């Protein structure tokens, strides 16, 4: 997985969503 290609989505935002929703990382990225 290349973090540079998803620079518009910060890792902190994804991590926060994962903790709140319990979803997988890909699900959170789709939601953003």
N, C-alpha and C. Protein backbone atom coordinates (compact mmCIF):
# COMPACT_ATOMS: atom_id res chain seq x y z
N UNK A 1 0.85 -1.20 0.00
CA UNK A 1 0.00 0.00 0.00
C UNK A 1 0.88 1.25 0.00
N UNK A 2 0.60 2.17 -0.86
CA UNK A 2 1.42 3.37 -0.99
C UNK A 2 0.71 4.55 -0.33
N UNK A 3 1.28 5.05 0.74
CA UNK A 3 0.65 6.15 1.48
C UNK A 3 0.67 7.44 0.68
N UNK A 4 1.61 7.58 -0.24
CA UNK A 4 1.70 8.80 -1.04
C UNK A 4 0.49 8.95 -1.96
N UNK A 5 -0.07 7.83 -2.40
CA UNK A 5 -1.21 7.89 -3.31
C UNK A 5 -2.49 8.28 -2.57
N UNK A 6 -2.46 8.19 -1.23
CA UNK A 6 -3.64 8.55 -0.44
C UNK A 6 -3.30 9.72 0.48
N UNK A 7 -2.46 10.62 0.00
CA UNK A 7 -2.01 11.75 0.81
C UNK A 7 -3.17 12.66 1.20
N UNK A 8 -4.23 12.63 0.40
CA UNK A 8 -5.38 13.49 0.71
C UNK A 8 -6.16 12.99 1.92
N UNK A 9 -5.91 11.75 2.32
CA UNK A 9 -6.54 11.18 3.51
C UNK A 9 -5.46 10.96 4.56
N UNK A 10 -5.53 11.68 5.66
CA UNK A 10 -4.50 11.54 6.68
C UNK A 10 -4.68 10.24 7.44
N UNK A 11 -3.57 9.65 7.83
CA UNK A 11 -3.60 8.39 8.57
C UNK A 11 -4.35 8.56 9.89
N UNK A 12 -4.22 9.73 10.49
CA UNK A 12 -4.90 9.98 11.77
C UNK A 12 -6.41 9.94 11.59
N UNK A 13 -6.89 10.49 10.49
CA UNK A 13 -8.33 10.47 10.23
C UNK A 13 -8.84 9.05 10.07
N UNK A 14 -8.07 8.24 9.33
CA UNK A 14 -8.45 6.85 9.12
C UNK A 14 -8.42 6.09 10.43
N UNK A 15 -7.38 6.31 11.23
CA UNK A 15 -7.25 5.62 12.51
C UNK A 15 -8.40 5.99 13.44
N UNK A 16 -8.77 7.28 13.44
CA UNK A 16 -9.86 7.74 14.29
C UNK A 16 -11.18 7.08 13.88
N UNK A 17 -11.41 7.00 12.57
CA UNK A 17 -12.63 6.37 12.08
C UNK A 17 -12.66 4.89 12.43
N UNK A 18 -11.52 4.23 12.31
CA UNK A 18 -11.45 2.80 12.62
C UNK A 18 -11.78 2.57 14.09
N UNK A 19 -11.29 3.43 14.96
CA UNK A 19 -11.55 3.27 16.39
C UNK A 19 -13.02 3.54 16.71
N UNK A 20 -13.61 4.50 16.01
CA UNK A 20 -15.01 4.86 16.27
C UNK A 20 -15.98 3.83 15.71
N UNK A 21 -15.69 3.36 14.49
CA UNK A 21 -16.64 2.51 13.78
C UNK A 21 -16.30 1.04 13.84
N UNK A 22 -15.01 0.72 14.06
CA UNK A 22 -14.60 -0.67 14.07
C UNK A 22 -14.50 -1.26 12.67
N UNK A 23 -14.53 -0.39 11.66
CA UNK A 23 -14.43 -0.86 10.28
C UNK A 23 -12.98 -1.09 9.89
N UNK A 24 -12.79 -1.75 8.77
CA UNK A 24 -11.44 -1.96 8.25
C UNK A 24 -10.92 -0.68 7.62
N UNK A 25 -9.61 -0.66 7.35
CA UNK A 25 -9.00 0.54 6.80
C UNK A 25 -9.58 0.89 5.43
N UNK A 26 -9.80 -0.10 4.59
CA UNK A 26 -10.33 0.17 3.25
C UNK A 26 -11.74 0.73 3.34
N UNK A 27 -12.53 0.23 4.28
CA UNK A 27 -13.89 0.74 4.45
C UNK A 27 -13.86 2.20 4.86
N UNK A 28 -12.92 2.55 5.74
CA UNK A 28 -12.81 3.93 6.19
C UNK A 28 -12.37 4.83 5.05
N UNK A 29 -11.45 4.36 4.23
CA UNK A 29 -10.98 5.17 3.11
C UNK A 29 -12.11 5.41 2.12
N UNK A 30 -12.97 4.40 1.94
CA UNK A 30 -14.10 4.57 1.03
C UNK A 30 -15.08 5.59 1.59
N UNK A 31 -15.21 5.60 2.91
CA UNK A 31 -16.17 6.51 3.55
C UNK A 31 -15.70 7.95 3.49
N UNK A 32 -14.39 8.16 3.46
CA UNK A 32 -13.86 9.53 3.44
C UNK A 32 -13.96 10.14 2.07
